[in-house]
Amino acid sequence: ANSPMCTTMFIEYANEYIAQYAEATRDLWVSDILDLDIECAKKACYVNSFYMDMNVDERKILRVIDLTDLQ
């Protein structure tokens, strides 16, 4: 209630974690599923919009893009 942005970030992460976990567990055995927790957590972080805002891909920054070939 005191931090709606934090709540939004957490919910987005939780939704993405569930999606990553569901996708990864489709064709695995139970013993393999137990090892997926950390991998799914990392993937969920990397696609979280808050993480992407704080860790911008250098290739996508406008000052780095060379548009001289378009002239």
PDB file of N, CA and C in Angstrom:
ATOM      1  N   ALA A   1       0.822  -1.191   0.000  1.00  0.00           N
ATOM      2  CA  ALA A   1       0.000   0.000   0.000  1.00  0.00           C
ATOM      3  C   ALA A   1       0.867   1.256   0.000  1.00  0.00           C
ATOM      4  N   ASN A   2       2.036   1.193   0.642  1.00  0.00           N
ATOM      5  CA  ASN A   2       2.912   2.363   0.733  1.00  0.00           C
ATOM      6  C   ASN A   2       3.857   2.479  -0.458  1.00  0.00           C
ATOM      7  N   SER A   3       3.985   1.431  -1.235  1.00  0.00           N
ATOM      8  CA  SER A   3       4.893   1.454  -2.377  1.00  0.00           C
ATOM      9  C   SER A   3       4.277   0.708  -3.567  1.00  0.00           C
ATOM     10  N   PRO A   4       3.399   1.370  -4.299  1.00  0.00           N
ATOM     11  CA  PRO A   4       2.737   0.692  -5.422  1.00  0.00           C
ATOM     12  C   PRO A   4       3.702   0.259  -6.525  1.00  0.00           C
ATOM     13  N   MET A   5       4.787   0.985  -6.751  1.00  0.00           N
ATOM     14  CA  MET A   5       5.748   0.586  -7.774  1.00  0.00           C
ATOM     15  C   MET A   5       6.456  -0.708  -7.381  1.00  0.00           C
ATOM     16  N   CYS A   6       6.771  -0.852  -6.117  1.00  0.00           N
ATOM     17  CA  CYS A   6       7.401  -2.081  -5.641  1.00  0.00           C
ATOM     18  C   CYS A   6       6.439  -3.255  -5.787  1.00  0.00           C
ATOM     19  N   THR A   7       5.200  -3.024  -5.464  1.00  0.00           N
ATOM     20  CA  THR A   7       4.182  -4.063  -5.610  1.00  0.00           C
ATOM     21  C   THR A   7       4.031  -4.470  -7.072  1.00  0.00           C
ATOM     22  N   THR A   8       4.016  -3.489  -7.963  1.00  0.00           N
ATOM     23  CA  THR A   8       3.908  -3.763  -9.395  1.00  0.00           C
ATOM     24  C   THR A   8       5.088  -4.586  -9.867  1.00  0.00           C
ATOM     25  N   MET A   9       6.297  -4.221  -9.435  1.00  0.00           N
ATOM     26  CA  MET A   9       7.493  -4.955  -9.819  1.00  0.00           C
ATOM     27  C   MET A   9       7.418  -6.401  -9.330  1.00  0.00           C
ATOM     28  N   PHE A  10       6.990  -6.599  -8.109  1.00  0.00           N
ATOM     29  CA  PHE A  10       6.907  -7.939  -7.539  1.00  0.00           C
ATOM     30  C   PHE A  10       5.880  -8.796  -8.276  1.00  0.00           C
ATOM     31  N   ILE A  11       4.726  -8.222  -8.577  1.00  0.00           N
ATOM     32  CA  ILE A  11       3.678  -8.968  -9.283  1.00  0.00           C
ATOM     33  C   ILE A  11       4.139  -9.319 -10.697  1.00  0.00           C
ATOM     34  N   GLU A  12       4.778  -8.384 -11.363  1.00  0.00           N
ATOM     35  CA  GLU A  12       5.300  -8.663 -12.699  1.00  0.00           C
ATOM     36  C   GLU A  12       6.331  -9.790 -12.650  1.00  0.00           C
ATOM     37  N   TYR A  13       7.223  -9.735 -11.652  1.00  0.00           N
ATOM     38  CA  TYR A  13       8.224 -10.793 -11.495  1.00  0.00           C
ATOM     39  C   TYR A  13       7.552 -12.142 -11.227  1.00  0.00           C
ATOM     40  N   ALA A  14       6.569 -12.165 -10.343  1.00  0.00           N
ATOM     41  CA  ALA A  14       5.887 -13.414  -9.999  1.00  0.00           C
ATOM     42  C   ALA A  14       5.183 -14.010 -11.216  1.00  0.00           C
ATOM     43  N   ASN A  15       4.523 -13.176 -11.993  1.00  0.00           N
ATOM     44  CA  ASN A  15       3.848 -13.658 -13.208  1.00  0.00           C
ATOM     45  C   ASN A  15       4.853 -14.230 -14.201  1.00  0.00           C
ATOM     46  N   GLU A  16       5.963 -13.552 -14.377  1.00  0.00           N
ATOM     47  CA  GLU A  16       6.974 -14.025 -15.319  1.00  0.00           C
ATOM     48  C   GLU A  16       7.647 -15.294 -14.811  1.00  0.00           C
ATOM     49  N   TYR A  17       7.876 -15.384 -13.499  1.00  0.00           N
ATOM     50  CA  TYR A  17       8.457 -16.595 -12.917  1.00  0.00           C
ATOM     51  C   TYR A  17       7.552 -17.798 -13.176  1.00  0.00           C
ATOM     52  N   ILE A  18       6.268 -17.620 -12.950  1.00  0.00           N
ATOM     53  CA  ILE A  18       5.310 -18.708 -13.180  1.00  0.00           C
ATOM     54  C   ILE A  18       5.305 -19.103 -14.657  1.00  0.00           C
ATOM     55  N   ALA A  19       5.354 -18.122 -15.547  1.00  0.00           N
ATOM     56  CA  ALA A  19       5.371 -18.416 -16.982  1.00  0.00           C
ATOM     57  C   ALA A  19       6.641 -19.168 -17.369  1.00  0.00           C
ATOM     58  N   GLN A  20       7.792 -18.719 -16.846  1.00  0.00           N
ATOM     59  CA  GLN A  20       9.064 -19.393 -17.134  1.00  0.00           C
ATOM     60  C   GLN A  20       9.053 -20.817 -16.595  1.00  0.00           C
ATOM     61  N   TYR A  21       8.553 -20.984 -15.408  1.00  0.00           N
ATOM     62  CA  TYR A  21       8.519 -22.300 -14.757  1.00  0.00           C
ATOM     63  C   TYR A  21       7.585 -23.248 -15.505  1.00  0.00           C
ATOM     64  N   ALA A  22       6.424 -22.748 -15.898  1.00  0.00           N
ATOM     65  CA  ALA A  22       5.464 -23.583 -16.623  1.00  0.00           C
ATOM     66  C   ALA A  22       6.027 -24.019 -17.969  1.00  0.00           C
ATOM     67  N   GLU A  23       6.702 -23.104 -18.656  1.00  0.00           N
ATOM     68  CA  GLU A  23       7.302 -23.430 -19.953  1.00  0.00           C
ATOM     69  C   GLU A  23       8.420 -24.454 -19.798  1.00  0.00           C
ATOM     70  N   ALA A  24       9.239 -24.298 -18.775  1.00  0.00           N
ATOM     71  CA  ALA A  24      10.407 -25.170 -18.591  1.00  0.00           C
ATOM     72  C   ALA A  24      10.030 -26.567 -18.101  1.00  0.00           C
ATOM     73  N   THR A  25       8.912 -26.705 -17.431  1.00  0.00           N
ATOM     74  CA  THR A  25       8.573 -27.997 -16.834  1.00  0.00           C
ATOM     75  C   THR A  25       7.713 -28.885 -17.716  1.00  0.00           C
ATOM     76  N   ARG A  26       7.438 -28.477 -18.907  1.00  0.00           N
ATOM     77  CA  ARG A  26       6.549 -29.251 -19.784  1.00  0.00           C
ATOM     78  C   ARG A  26       7.051 -30.663 -20.050  1.00  0.00           C
ATOM     79  N   ASP A  27       8.342 -30.793 -20.343  1.00  0.00           N
ATOM     80  CA  ASP A  27       8.869 -32.089 -20.767  1.00  0.00           C
ATOM     81  C   ASP A  27       9.910 -32.656 -19.802  1.00  0.00           C
ATOM     82  N   LEU A  28       9.872 -32.266 -18.551  1.00  0.00           N
ATOM     83  CA  LEU A  28      10.886 -32.715 -17.600  1.00  0.00           C
ATOM     84  C   LEU A  28      10.335 -33.679 -16.569  1.00  0.00           C
ATOM     85  N   TRP A  29      11.230 -34.436 -15.999  1.00  0.00           N
ATOM     86  CA  TRP A  29      10.903 -35.313 -14.879  1.00  0.00           C
ATOM     87  C   TRP A  29      10.924 -34.510 -13.589  1.00  0.00           C
ATOM     88  N   VAL A  30      10.303 -35.017 -12.555  1.00  0.00           N
ATOM     89  CA  VAL A  30      10.207 -34.317 -11.268  1.00  0.00           C
ATOM     90  C   VAL A  30      11.588 -33.992 -10.722  1.00  0.00           C
ATOM     91  N   SER A  31      12.536 -34.895 -10.841  1.00  0.00           N
ATOM     92  CA  SER A  31      13.876 -34.648 -10.312  1.00  0.00           C
ATOM     93  C   SER A  31      14.555 -33.477 -11.019  1.00  0.00           C
ATOM     94  N   ASP A  32      14.275 -33.284 -12.301  1.00  0.00           N
ATOM     95  CA  ASP A  32      14.851 -32.169 -13.048  1.00  0.00           C
ATOM     96  C   ASP A  32      14.180 -30.847 -12.710  1.00  0.00           C
ATOM     97  N   ILE A  33      12.913 -30.906 -12.363  1.00  0.00           N
ATOM     98  CA  ILE A  33      12.150 -29.693 -12.068  1.00  0.00           C
ATOM     99  C   ILE A  33      12.709 -28.979 -10.836  1.00  0.00           C
ATOM    100  N   LEU A  34      13.198 -29.718  -9.886  1.00  0.00           N
ATOM    101  CA  LEU A  34      13.729 -29.115  -8.667  1.00  0.00           C
ATOM    102  C   LEU A  34      14.933 -28.221  -8.939  1.00  0.00           C
ATOM    103  N   ASP A  35      15.669 -28.507  -9.992  1.00  0.00           N
ATOM    104  CA  ASP A  35      16.848 -27.704 -10.332  1.00  0.00           C
ATOM    105  C   ASP A  35      16.510 -26.431 -11.102  1.00  0.00           C
ATOM    106  N   LEU A  36      15.280 -26.240 -11.472  1.00  0.00           N
ATOM    107  CA  LEU A  36      14.894 -25.105 -12.309  1.00  0.00           C
ATOM    108  C   LEU A  36      14.647 -23.807 -11.552  1.00  0.00           C
ATOM    109  N   ASP A  37      14.500 -23.861 -10.257  1.00  0.00           N
ATOM    110  CA  ASP A  37      14.114 -22.670  -9.498  1.00  0.00           C
ATOM    111  C   ASP A  37      15.009 -21.468  -9.777  1.00  0.00           C
ATOM    112  N   ILE A  38      16.300 -21.642  -9.682  1.00  0.00           N
ATOM    113  CA  ILE A  38      17.223 -20.514  -9.855  1.00  0.00           C
ATOM    114  C   ILE A  38      17.214 -20.026 -11.293  1.00  0.00           C
ATOM    115  N   GLU A  39      17.201 -20.952 -12.246  1.00  0.00           N
ATOM    116  CA  GLU A  39      17.180 -20.559 -13.649  1.00  0.00           C
ATOM    117  C   GLU A  39      15.919 -19.761 -13.988  1.00  0.00           C
ATOM    118  N   CYS A  40      14.774 -20.210 -13.505  1.00  0.00           N
ATOM    119  CA  CYS A  40      13.515 -19.493 -13.758  1.00  0.00           C
ATOM    120  C   CYS A  40      13.523 -18.130 -13.071  1.00  0.00           C
ATOM    121  N   ALA A  41      14.094 -18.058 -11.887  1.00  0.00           N
ATOM    122  CA  ALA A  41      14.172 -16.783 -11.170  1.00  0.00           C
ATOM    123  C   ALA A  41      15.031 -15.783 -11.937  1.00  0.00           C
ATOM    124  N   LYS A  42      16.156 -16.232 -12.473  1.00  0.00           N
ATOM    125  CA  LYS A  42      17.026 -15.337 -13.244  1.00  0.00           C
ATOM    126  C   LYS A  42      16.328 -14.853 -14.509  1.00  0.00           C
ATOM    127  N   LYS A  43      15.700 -15.771 -15.230  1.00  0.00           N
ATOM    128  CA  LYS A  43      14.995 -15.383 -16.456  1.00  0.00           C
ATOM    129  C   LYS A  43      13.865 -14.408 -16.160  1.00  0.00           C
ATOM    130  N   ALA A  44      13.157 -14.630 -15.061  1.00  0.00           N
ATOM    131  CA  ALA A  44      12.066 -13.726 -14.693  1.00  0.00           C
ATOM    132  C   ALA A  44      12.600 -12.343 -14.375  1.00  0.00           C
ATOM    133  N   CYS A  45      13.763 -12.272 -13.757  1.00  0.00           N
ATOM    134  CA  CYS A  45      14.375 -10.964 -13.469  1.00  0.00           C
ATOM    135  C   CYS A  45      14.765 -10.246 -14.752  1.00  0.00           C
ATOM    136  N   TYR A  46      15.399 -10.982 -15.674  1.00  0.00           N
ATOM    137  CA  TYR A  46      15.909 -10.364 -16.893  1.00  0.00           C
ATOM    138  C   TYR A  46      14.819  -9.795 -17.789  1.00  0.00           C
ATOM    139  N   VAL A  47      13.611 -10.333 -17.744  1.00  0.00           N
ATOM    140  CA  VAL A  47      12.539  -9.816 -18.587  1.00  0.00           C
ATOM    141  C   VAL A  47      11.603  -8.864 -17.839  1.00  0.00           C
ATOM    142  N   ASN A  48      11.876  -8.631 -16.574  1.00  0.00           N
ATOM    143  CA  ASN A  48      11.080  -7.704 -15.777  1.00  0.00           C
ATOM    144  C   ASN A  48      11.328  -6.281 -16.284  1.00  0.00           C
ATOM    145  N   SER A  49      10.270  -5.519 -16.524  1.00  0.00           N
ATOM    146  CA  SER A  49      10.425  -4.173 -17.095  1.00  0.00           C
ATOM    147  C   SER A  49      11.241  -3.256 -16.188  1.00  0.00           C
ATOM    148  N   PHE A  50      11.175  -3.435 -14.887  1.00  0.00           N
ATOM    149  CA  PHE A  50      11.957  -2.615 -13.972  1.00  0.00           C
ATOM    150  C   PHE A  50      13.449  -2.939 -14.105  1.00  0.00           C
ATOM    151  N   TYR A  51      13.770  -4.211 -14.243  1.00  0.00           N
ATOM    152  CA  TYR A  51      15.159  -4.628 -14.436  1.00  0.00           C
ATOM    153  C   TYR A  51      15.685  -4.077 -15.759  1.00  0.00           C
ATOM    154  N   MET A  52      14.870  -4.189 -16.814  1.00  0.00           N
ATOM    155  CA  MET A  52      15.301  -3.716 -18.124  1.00  0.00           C
ATOM    156  C   MET A  52      15.492  -2.205 -18.138  1.00  0.00           C
ATOM    157  N   ASP A  53      14.695  -1.465 -17.380  1.00  0.00           N
ATOM    158  CA  ASP A  53      14.879  -0.018 -17.286  1.00  0.00           C
ATOM    159  C   ASP A  53      16.189   0.338 -16.602  1.00  0.00           C
ATOM    160  N   MET A  54      16.579  -0.429 -15.612  1.00  0.00           N
ATOM    161  CA  MET A  54      17.811  -0.144 -14.874  1.00  0.00           C
ATOM    162  C   MET A  54      19.042  -0.726 -15.552  1.00  0.00           C
ATOM    163  N   ASN A  55      18.875  -1.699 -16.432  1.00  0.00           N
ATOM    164  CA  ASN A  55      19.984  -2.370 -17.106  1.00  0.00           C
ATOM    165  C   ASN A  55      19.734  -2.370 -18.609  1.00  0.00           C
ATOM    166  N   VAL A  56      19.826  -1.207 -19.200  1.00  0.00           N
ATOM    167  CA  VAL A  56      19.513  -1.041 -20.617  1.00  0.00           C
ATOM    168  C   VAL A  56      20.590  -1.702 -21.468  1.00  0.00           C
ATOM    169  N   ASP A  57      20.149  -2.431 -22.480  1.00  0.00           N
ATOM    170  CA  ASP A  57      21.058  -3.060 -23.430  1.00  0.00           C
ATOM    171  C   ASP A  57      21.769  -1.948 -24.204  1.00  0.00           C
ATOM    172  N   GLU A  58      23.094  -1.935 -24.169  1.00  0.00           N
ATOM    173  CA  GLU A  58      23.881  -0.893 -24.822  1.00  0.00           C
ATOM    174  C   GLU A  58      23.569  -0.782 -26.319  1.00  0.00           C
ATOM    175  N   ARG A  59      23.201  -1.883 -26.956  1.00  0.00           N
ATOM    176  CA  ARG A  59      22.902  -1.862 -28.383  1.00  0.00           C
ATOM    177  C   ARG A  59      21.618  -1.113 -28.699  1.00  0.00           C
ATOM    178  N   LYS A  60      20.792  -0.855 -27.691  1.00  0.00           N
ATOM    179  CA  LYS A  60      19.505  -0.209 -27.920  1.00  0.00           C
ATOM    180  C   LYS A  60      19.486   1.265 -27.522  1.00  0.00           C
ATOM    181  N   ILE A  61      20.627   1.797 -27.111  1.00  0.00           N
ATOM    182  CA  ILE A  61      20.710   3.204 -26.736  1.00  0.00           C
ATOM    183  C   ILE A  61      20.890   4.034 -28.011  1.00  0.00           C
ATOM    184  N   LEU A  62      20.098   5.069 -28.167  1.00  0.00           N
ATOM    185  CA  LEU A  62      20.102   5.855 -29.396  1.00  0.00           C
ATOM    186  C   LEU A  62      21.447   6.496 -29.694  1.00  0.00           C
ATOM    187  N   ARG A  63      22.204   6.888 -28.685  1.00  0.00           N
ATOM    188  CA  ARG A  63      23.495   7.533 -28.953  1.00  0.00           C
ATOM    189  C   ARG A  63      24.509   6.543 -29.514  1.00  0.00           C
ATOM    190  N   VAL A  64      24.241   5.265 -29.420  1.00  0.00           N
ATOM    191  CA  VAL A  64      25.155   4.230 -29.901  1.00  0.00           C
ATOM    192  C   VAL A  64      24.790   3.795 -31.325  1.00  0.00           C
ATOM    193  N   ILE A  65      23.555   3.976 -31.713  1.00  0.00           N
ATOM    194  CA  ILE A  65      23.088   3.515 -33.024  1.00  0.00           C
ATOM    195  C   ILE A  65      23.610   4.432 -34.123  1.00  0.00           C
ATOM    196  N   ASP A  66      24.188   3.843 -35.131  1.00  0.00           N
ATOM    197  CA  ASP A  66      24.737   4.595 -36.271  1.00  0.00           C
ATOM    198  C   ASP A  66      23.712   4.589 -37.404  1.00  0.00           C
ATOM    199  N   LEU A  67      23.168   5.768 -37.713  1.00  0.00           N
ATOM    200  CA  LEU A  67      22.146   5.894 -38.752  1.00  0.00           C
ATOM    201  C   LEU A  67      22.680   6.541 -40.021  1.00  0.00           C
ATOM    202  N   THR A  68      23.993   6.672 -40.148  1.00  0.00           N
ATOM    203  CA  THR A  68      24.557   7.343 -41.318  1.00  0.00           C
ATOM    204  C   THR A  68      24.283   6.599 -42.606  1.00  0.00           C
ATOM    205  N   ASP A  69      24.112   5.299 -42.562  1.00  0.00           N
ATOM    206  CA  ASP A  69      23.834   4.513 -43.766  1.00  0.00           C
ATOM    207  C   ASP A  69      22.454   4.790 -44.327  1.00  0.00           C
ATOM    208  N   LEU A  70      21.578   5.382 -43.556  1.00  0.00           N
ATOM    209  CA  LEU A  70      20.206   5.630 -43.992  1.00  0.00           C
ATOM    210  C   LEU A  70      20.054   6.897 -44.823  1.00  0.00           C
ATOM    211  N   GLN A  71      21.084   7.705 -44.896  1.00  0.00           N
ATOM    212  CA  GLN A  71      20.984   8.979 -45.629  1.00  0.00           C
ATOM    213  C   GLN A  71      21.088   8.783 -47.112  1.00  0.00           C
TER     214      GLN A  71
END
